[in-house]
C-alpha atoms as a PDB file:
ATOM      1  CA  UNK A   1     -34.157 -10.867 -11.180  1.00  0.00           C
ATOM      2  CA  UNK A   2     -30.975 -12.486 -12.499  1.00  0.00           C
ATOM      3  CA  UNK A   3     -30.115 -15.875 -11.005  1.00  0.00           C
ATOM      4  CA  UNK A   4     -26.779 -15.512  -9.246  1.00  0.00           C
ATOM      5  CA  UNK A   5     -24.286 -18.323  -8.790  1.00  0.00           C
ATOM      6  CA  UNK A   6     -24.386 -19.725  -5.263  1.00  0.00           C
ATOM      7  CA  UNK A   7     -21.328 -18.527  -3.298  1.00  0.00           C
ATOM      8  CA  UNK A   8     -21.399 -21.181  -0.590  1.00  0.00           C
ATOM      9  CA  UNK A   9     -21.750 -24.987  -0.623  1.00  0.00           C
ATOM     10  CA  UNK A  10     -25.380 -25.968  -0.307  1.00  0.00           C
ATOM     11  CA  UNK A  11     -26.185 -27.534   3.062  1.00  0.00           C
ATOM     12  CA  UNK A  12     -22.720 -26.912   4.563  1.00  0.00           C
ATOM     13  CA  UNK A  13     -22.536 -25.459   8.086  1.00  0.00           C
ATOM     14  CA  UNK A  14     -20.122 -22.524   7.796  1.00  0.00           C
ATOM     15  CA  UNK A  15     -20.019 -22.149  11.563  1.00  0.00           C
ATOM     16  CA  UNK A  16     -18.554 -25.653  11.986  1.00  0.00           C
ATOM     17  CA  UNK A  17     -15.063 -26.345  13.320  1.00  0.00           C
ATOM     18  CA  UNK A  18     -13.066 -26.040  10.111  1.00  0.00           C
ATOM     19  CA  UNK A  19     -10.231 -24.178   8.451  1.00  0.00           C
ATOM     20  CA  UNK A  20     -11.335 -21.758   5.744  1.00  0.00           C
ATOM     21  CA  UNK A  21      -9.279 -20.011   3.066  1.00  0.00           C
ATOM     22  CA  UNK A  22     -10.841 -16.622   2.364  1.00  0.00           C
ATOM     23  CA  UNK A  23     -10.166 -13.990  -0.287  1.00  0.00           C
ATOM     24  CA  UNK A  24     -11.873 -10.626  -0.256  1.00  0.00           C
ATOM     25  CA  UNK A  25     -11.394  -7.813  -2.795  1.00  0.00           C
ATOM     26  CA  UNK A  26     -11.852  -4.068  -2.772  1.00  0.00           C
ATOM     27  CA  UNK A  27     -14.741  -3.046  -5.017  1.00  0.00           C
ATOM     28  CA  UNK A  28     -13.580  -2.544  -8.613  1.00  0.00           C
ATOM     29  CA  UNK A  29     -10.172  -3.906  -7.547  1.00  0.00           C
ATOM     30  CA  UNK A  30      -9.006  -0.429  -6.564  1.00  0.00           C
ATOM     31  CA  UNK A  31      -5.418  -0.612  -5.277  1.00  0.00           C
ATOM     32  CA  UNK A  32      -5.715   1.369  -2.040  1.00  0.00           C
ATOM     33  CA  UNK A  33      -4.481  -0.985   0.696  1.00  0.00           C
ATOM     34  CA  UNK A  34      -0.784  -0.448  -0.044  1.00  0.00           C
ATOM     35  CA  UNK A  35       1.948  -1.163  -2.553  1.00  0.00           C
ATOM     36  CA  UNK A  36       4.175  -4.061  -3.399  1.00  0.00           C
ATOM     37  CA  UNK A  37       7.716  -2.711  -3.151  1.00  0.00           C
ATOM     38  CA  UNK A  38      11.280  -3.881  -3.466  1.00  0.00           C
ATOM     39  CA  UNK A  39      13.530  -3.531  -0.446  1.00  0.00           C
ATOM     40  CA  UNK A  40      17.244  -3.306  -1.158  1.00  0.00           C
ATOM     41  CA  UNK A  41      19.580  -6.070  -0.110  1.00  0.00           C
ATOM     42  CA  UNK A  42      21.454  -5.260   3.046  1.00  0.00           C
ATOM     43  CA  UNK A  43      25.022  -6.376   2.589  1.00  0.00           C
ATOM     44  CA  UNK A  44      28.454  -5.701   3.873  1.00  0.00           C
ATOM     45  CA  UNK A  45      30.933  -3.585   2.013  1.00  0.00           C
ATOM     46  CA  UNK A  46      30.380  -1.384  -0.995  1.00  0.00           C
ATOM     47  CA  UNK A  47      27.938  -2.133  -3.744  1.00  0.00           C
ATOM     48  CA  UNK A  48      29.987  -2.096  -6.944  1.00  0.00           C
ATOM     49  CA  UNK A  49      27.180  -3.129  -9.266  1.00  0.00           C
ATOM     50  CA  UNK A  50      25.882  -0.891 -12.023  1.00  0.00           C
ATOM     51  CA  UNK A  51      22.479   0.549 -11.121  1.00  0.00           C
ATOM     52  CA  UNK A  52      19.701   1.089 -13.618  1.00  0.00           C
ATOM     53  CA  UNK A  53      16.526   3.017 -12.666  1.00  0.00           C
ATOM     54  CA  UNK A  54      14.301   0.380 -14.279  1.00  0.00           C
ATOM     55  CA  UNK A  55      15.672  -2.188 -11.809  1.00  0.00           C
ATOM     56  CA  UNK A  56      14.032  -0.343  -8.918  1.00  0.00           C
ATOM     57  CA  UNK A  57      10.626  -1.621  -9.958  1.00  0.00           C
ATOM     58  CA  UNK A  58       9.543  -4.764  -8.045  1.00  0.00           C
ATOM     59  CA  UNK A  59       8.892  -6.653 -11.294  1.00  0.00           C
ATOM     60  CA  UNK A  60      12.639  -6.540 -11.995  1.00  0.00           C
ATOM     61  CA  UNK A  61      13.907  -7.779  -8.635  1.00  0.00           C
ATOM     62  CA  UNK A  62      14.451 -11.032  -6.803  1.00  0.00           C
ATOM     63  CA  UNK A  63      11.301 -12.388  -5.119  1.00  0.00           C
ATOM     64  CA  UNK A  64      12.856 -12.387  -1.648  1.00  0.00           C
ATOM     65  CA  UNK A  65      13.262  -8.586  -1.896  1.00  0.00           C
ATOM     66  CA  UNK A  66       9.603  -7.926  -2.669  1.00  0.00           C
ATOM     67  CA  UNK A  67       7.237  -7.075   0.187  1.00  0.00           C
ATOM     68  CA  UNK A  68       3.825  -5.563   0.712  1.00  0.00           C
ATOM     69  CA  UNK A  69       3.861  -2.136   2.361  1.00  0.00           C
ATOM     70  CA  UNK A  70       0.454  -1.269   3.805  1.00  0.00           C
ATOM     71  CA  UNK A  71      -1.110   2.141   3.380  1.00  0.00           C
ATOM     72  CA  UNK A  72      -3.137   3.643   6.235  1.00  0.00           C
ATOM     73  CA  UNK A  73      -6.127   1.747   4.819  1.00  0.00           C
ATOM     74  CA  UNK A  74      -4.146  -1.502   4.745  1.00  0.00           C
ATOM     75  CA  UNK A  75      -3.147  -0.905   8.368  1.00  0.00           C
ATOM     76  CA  UNK A  76      -6.838  -0.661   9.278  1.00  0.00           C
ATOM     77  CA  UNK A  77      -7.529  -3.973   7.529  1.00  0.00           C
ATOM     78  CA  UNK A  78      -4.579  -5.568   9.390  1.00  0.00           C
ATOM     79  CA  UNK A  79      -5.828  -4.252  12.737  1.00  0.00           C
ATOM     80  CA  UNK A  80      -9.351  -5.515  12.111  1.00  0.00           C
ATOM     81  CA  UNK A  81      -8.203  -8.960  10.966  1.00  0.00           C
ATOM     82  CA  UNK A  82      -6.365  -9.273  14.274  1.00  0.00           C
ATOM     83  CA  UNK A  83      -9.403  -7.815  16.088  1.00  0.00           C
ATOM     84  CA  UNK A  84     -11.505 -10.761  14.862  1.00  0.00           C
ATOM     85  CA  UNK A  85      -9.535 -13.119  17.133  1.00  0.00           C
ATOM     86  CA  UNK A  86     -10.058 -10.858  20.150  1.00  0.00           C
ATOM     87  CA  UNK A  87     -13.729 -10.198  19.486  1.00  0.00           C
ATOM     88  CA  UNK A  88     -14.580 -13.814  18.658  1.00  0.00           C
ATOM     89  CA  UNK A  89     -12.506 -16.173  20.803  1.00  0.00           C
ATOM     90  CA  UNK A  90     -13.443 -19.169  18.648  1.00  0.00           C
ATOM     91  CA  UNK A  91     -11.947 -17.474  15.558  1.00  0.00           C
ATOM     92  CA  UNK A  92      -8.242 -17.987  14.941  1.00  0.00           C
ATOM     93  CA  UNK A  93      -6.345 -16.466  12.022  1.00  0.00           C
ATOM     94  CA  UNK A  94      -3.542 -18.849  11.060  1.00  0.00           C
ATOM     95  CA  UNK A  95      -2.054 -16.748   8.285  1.00  0.00           C
ATOM     96  CA  UNK A  96      -2.971 -13.725   6.209  1.00  0.00           C
ATOM     97  CA  UNK A  97      -1.648 -11.232   3.711  1.00  0.00           C
ATOM     98  CA  UNK A  98      -2.977  -7.849   2.717  1.00  0.00           C
ATOM     99  CA  UNK A  99      -2.366  -6.969  -0.919  1.00  0.00           C
ATOM    100  CA  UNK A 100      -2.958  -3.670  -2.777  1.00  0.00           C
ATOM    101  CA  UNK A 101      -6.591  -4.506  -3.598  1.00  0.00           C
ATOM    102  CA  UNK A 102      -7.464  -7.701  -1.695  1.00  0.00           C
ATOM    103  CA  UNK A 103      -6.546  -9.899   1.219  1.00  0.00           C
ATOM    104  CA  UNK A 104      -6.198 -13.622   1.804  1.00  0.00           C
ATOM    105  CA  UNK A 105      -6.506 -15.349   5.151  1.00  0.00           C
ATOM    106  CA  UNK A 106      -6.810 -18.746   6.751  1.00  0.00           C
ATOM    107  CA  UNK A 107      -9.547 -18.636   9.360  1.00  0.00           C
ATOM    108  CA  UNK A 108     -10.182 -21.433  11.820  1.00  0.00           C
ATOM    109  CA  UNK A 109     -13.455 -21.729  13.662  1.00  0.00           C
ATOM    110  CA  UNK A 110     -12.841 -23.747  16.821  1.00  0.00           C
ATOM    111  CA  UNK A 111     -15.740 -24.012  19.277  1.00  0.00           C
ATOM    112  CA  UNK A 112     -13.458 -25.767  21.780  1.00  0.00           C
ATOM    113  CA  UNK A 113     -11.770 -22.415  22.459  1.00  0.00           C
ATOM    114  CA  UNK A 114     -14.825 -21.138  24.326  1.00  0.00           C
ATOM    115  CA  UNK A 115     -15.803 -22.197  27.824  1.00  0.00           C
ATOM    116  CA  UNK A 116     -19.481 -21.354  27.951  1.00  0.00           C
ATOM    117  CA  UNK A 117     -22.366 -21.932  25.592  1.00  0.00           C
ATOM    118  CA  UNK A 118     -22.064 -19.320  22.885  1.00  0.00           C
ATOM    119  CA  UNK A 119     -23.545 -18.980  19.424  1.00  0.00           C
ATOM    120  CA  UNK A 120     -20.782 -19.430  16.880  1.00  0.00           C
ATOM    121  CA  UNK A 121     -21.026 -16.994  13.983  1.00  0.00           C
ATOM    122  CA  UNK A 122     -20.686 -18.321  10.456  1.00  0.00           C
ATOM    123  CA  UNK A 123     -17.802 -17.403   8.168  1.00  0.00           C
ATOM    124  CA  UNK A 124     -20.184 -15.033   6.345  1.00  0.00           C
ATOM    125  CA  UNK A 125     -21.114 -13.281   9.594  1.00  0.00           C
ATOM    126  CA  UNK A 126     -17.451 -12.946  10.577  1.00  0.00           C
ATOM    127  CA  UNK A 127     -16.646 -11.457   7.161  1.00  0.00           C
ATOM    128  CA  UNK A 128     -19.568  -9.030   7.512  1.00  0.00           C
ATOM    129  CA  UNK A 129     -18.098  -7.921  10.859  1.00  0.00           C
ATOM    130  CA  UNK A 130     -14.635  -7.500   9.331  1.00  0.00           C
ATOM    131  CA  UNK A 131     -15.863  -5.690   6.223  1.00  0.00           C
ATOM    132  CA  UNK A 132     -18.216  -3.416   8.183  1.00  0.00           C
ATOM    133  CA  UNK A 133     -15.661  -2.367  10.805  1.00  0.00           C
ATOM    134  CA  UNK A 134     -12.905  -1.761   8.237  1.00  0.00           C
ATOM    135  CA  UNK A 135     -15.230   0.224   5.973  1.00  0.00           C
ATOM    136  CA  UNK A 136     -16.424   2.377   8.869  1.00  0.00           C
ATOM    137  CA  UNK A 137     -12.881   3.217   9.963  1.00  0.00           C
ATOM    138  CA  UNK A 138     -11.731   3.866   6.387  1.00  0.00           C
ATOM    139  CA  UNK A 139     -14.710   6.184   5.816  1.00  0.00           C
ATOM    140  CA  UNK A 140     -13.794   8.045   9.020  1.00  0.00           C
ATOM    141  CA  UNK A 141     -10.341   8.665   7.482  1.00  0.00           C
ATOM    142  CA  UNK A 142     -12.064  10.511   4.651  1.00  0.00           C
ATOM    143  CA  UNK A 143     -12.220   7.761   2.022  1.00  0.00           C
ATOM    144  CA  UNK A 144     -16.008   7.832   1.758  1.00  0.00           C
ATOM    145  CA  UNK A 145     -16.152   5.956  -1.565  1.00  0.00           C
ATOM    146  CA  UNK A 146     -14.276   2.908  -0.233  1.00  0.00           C
ATOM    147  CA  UNK A 147     -16.173  -0.363  -0.324  1.00  0.00           C
ATOM    148  CA  UNK A 148     -15.575  -4.098  -0.564  1.00  0.00           C
ATOM    149  CA  UNK A 149     -16.902  -6.424  -3.236  1.00  0.00           C
ATOM    150  CA  UNK A 150     -20.366  -7.628  -2.307  1.00  0.00           C
ATOM    151  CA  UNK A 151     -19.207 -11.131  -1.412  1.00  0.00           C
ATOM    152  CA  UNK A 152     -15.960 -13.012  -0.855  1.00  0.00           C
ATOM    153  CA  UNK A 153     -14.385 -16.255  -1.989  1.00  0.00           C
ATOM    154  CA  UNK A 154     -14.027 -19.115   0.485  1.00  0.00           C
ATOM    155  CA  UNK A 155     -12.645 -22.614   0.362  1.00  0.00           C
ATOM    156  CA  UNK A 156     -12.920 -25.245   3.098  1.00  0.00           C
ATOM    157  CA  UNK A 157      -9.417 -26.613   3.711  1.00  0.00           C
ATOM    158  CA  UNK A 158      -9.660 -30.385   3.665  1.00  0.00           C
ATOM    159  CA  UNK A 159      -6.257 -31.670   4.801  1.00  0.00           C
ATOM    160  CA  UNK A 160      -2.735 -30.783   5.965  1.00  0.00           C
ATOM    161  CA  UNK A 161      -1.259 -30.804   2.447  1.00  0.00           C
ATOM    162  CA  UNK A 162      -3.877 -28.332   1.245  1.00  0.00           C
ATOM    163  CA  UNK A 163      -3.291 -26.211   4.358  1.00  0.00           C
ATOM    164  CA  UNK A 164       0.458 -26.054   3.642  1.00  0.00           C
ATOM    165  CA  UNK A 165      -0.084 -25.184  -0.031  1.00  0.00           C
ATOM    166  CA  UNK A 166      -2.502 -22.380   0.831  1.00  0.00           C
ATOM    167  CA  UNK A 167      -0.316 -21.038   3.645  1.00  0.00           C
ATOM    168  CA  UNK A 168       2.683 -20.983   1.287  1.00  0.00           C
ATOM    169  CA  UNK A 169       0.548 -19.245  -1.340  1.00  0.00           C
ATOM    170  CA  UNK A 170      -0.332 -16.553   1.213  1.00  0.00           C
ATOM    171  CA  UNK A 171       3.315 -16.141   2.247  1.00  0.00           C
ATOM    172  CA  UNK A 172       4.465 -15.780  -1.368  1.00  0.00           C
ATOM    173  CA  UNK A 173       1.600 -13.586  -2.550  1.00  0.00           C
ATOM    174  CA  UNK A 174       3.582 -10.302  -2.577  1.00  0.00           C
ATOM    175  CA  UNK A 175       6.315 -11.921  -4.689  1.00  0.00           C
ATOM    176  CA  UNK A 176       3.682 -13.177  -7.156  1.00  0.00           C
ATOM    177  CA  UNK A 177       1.771  -9.877  -7.315  1.00  0.00           C
ATOM    178  CA  UNK A 178       2.706  -9.068 -10.908  1.00  0.00           C
ATOM    179  CA  UNK A 179       1.375 -12.448 -12.047  1.00  0.00           C
ATOM    180  CA  UNK A 180      -1.775 -12.169  -9.897  1.00  0.00           C
ATOM    181  CA  UNK A 181      -5.170 -11.956 -11.587  1.00  0.00           C
ATOM    182  CA  UNK A 182      -6.013  -9.072  -9.222  1.00  0.00           C
ATOM    183  CA  UNK A 183      -2.873  -7.137 -10.281  1.00  0.00           C
ATOM    184  CA  UNK A 184      -3.448  -3.656 -11.570  1.00  0.00           C
ATOM    185  CA  UNK A 185      -0.867  -1.008 -12.423  1.00  0.00           C
ATOM    186  CA  UNK A 186      -3.322   1.656 -11.264  1.00  0.00           C
END
């Protein structure tokens, strides 16, 4: 058997009260969760500018006009990310973005949010719950070949500056899509 690189920090308790930055990708980076699109500026008066068809592509527009538009599959992922906070009261999603073939989120595990003694699930267990429930619902829509990458990337957020940088990264992710390493034209 091939020795695989360890995905998690050795000896770290991933159910501890922490903030975690998580990235999870669709298997083979298939772009099925939606599209990054350009929304036109809403202005007053007539638009007297010359229009060129090539300018309708998001790569050719101002970053503030570029947004992520979820597909039905992306809507399922959104619903299940929000479901995590309902299902697991100690889990709080601070920020997230769904992209065409992956998502990013900031997850906080906070045991002080629960009143009674309860076993806190680890980040891995929470991601299994999210990936399993989204996959099941997506399969029920008829996309039987949909699956997530086997694992996910995580990073323990260490301080406020790092938190702000990561949160800003999440907010700006649609505008940076065409520079993203997960970007695919197909």
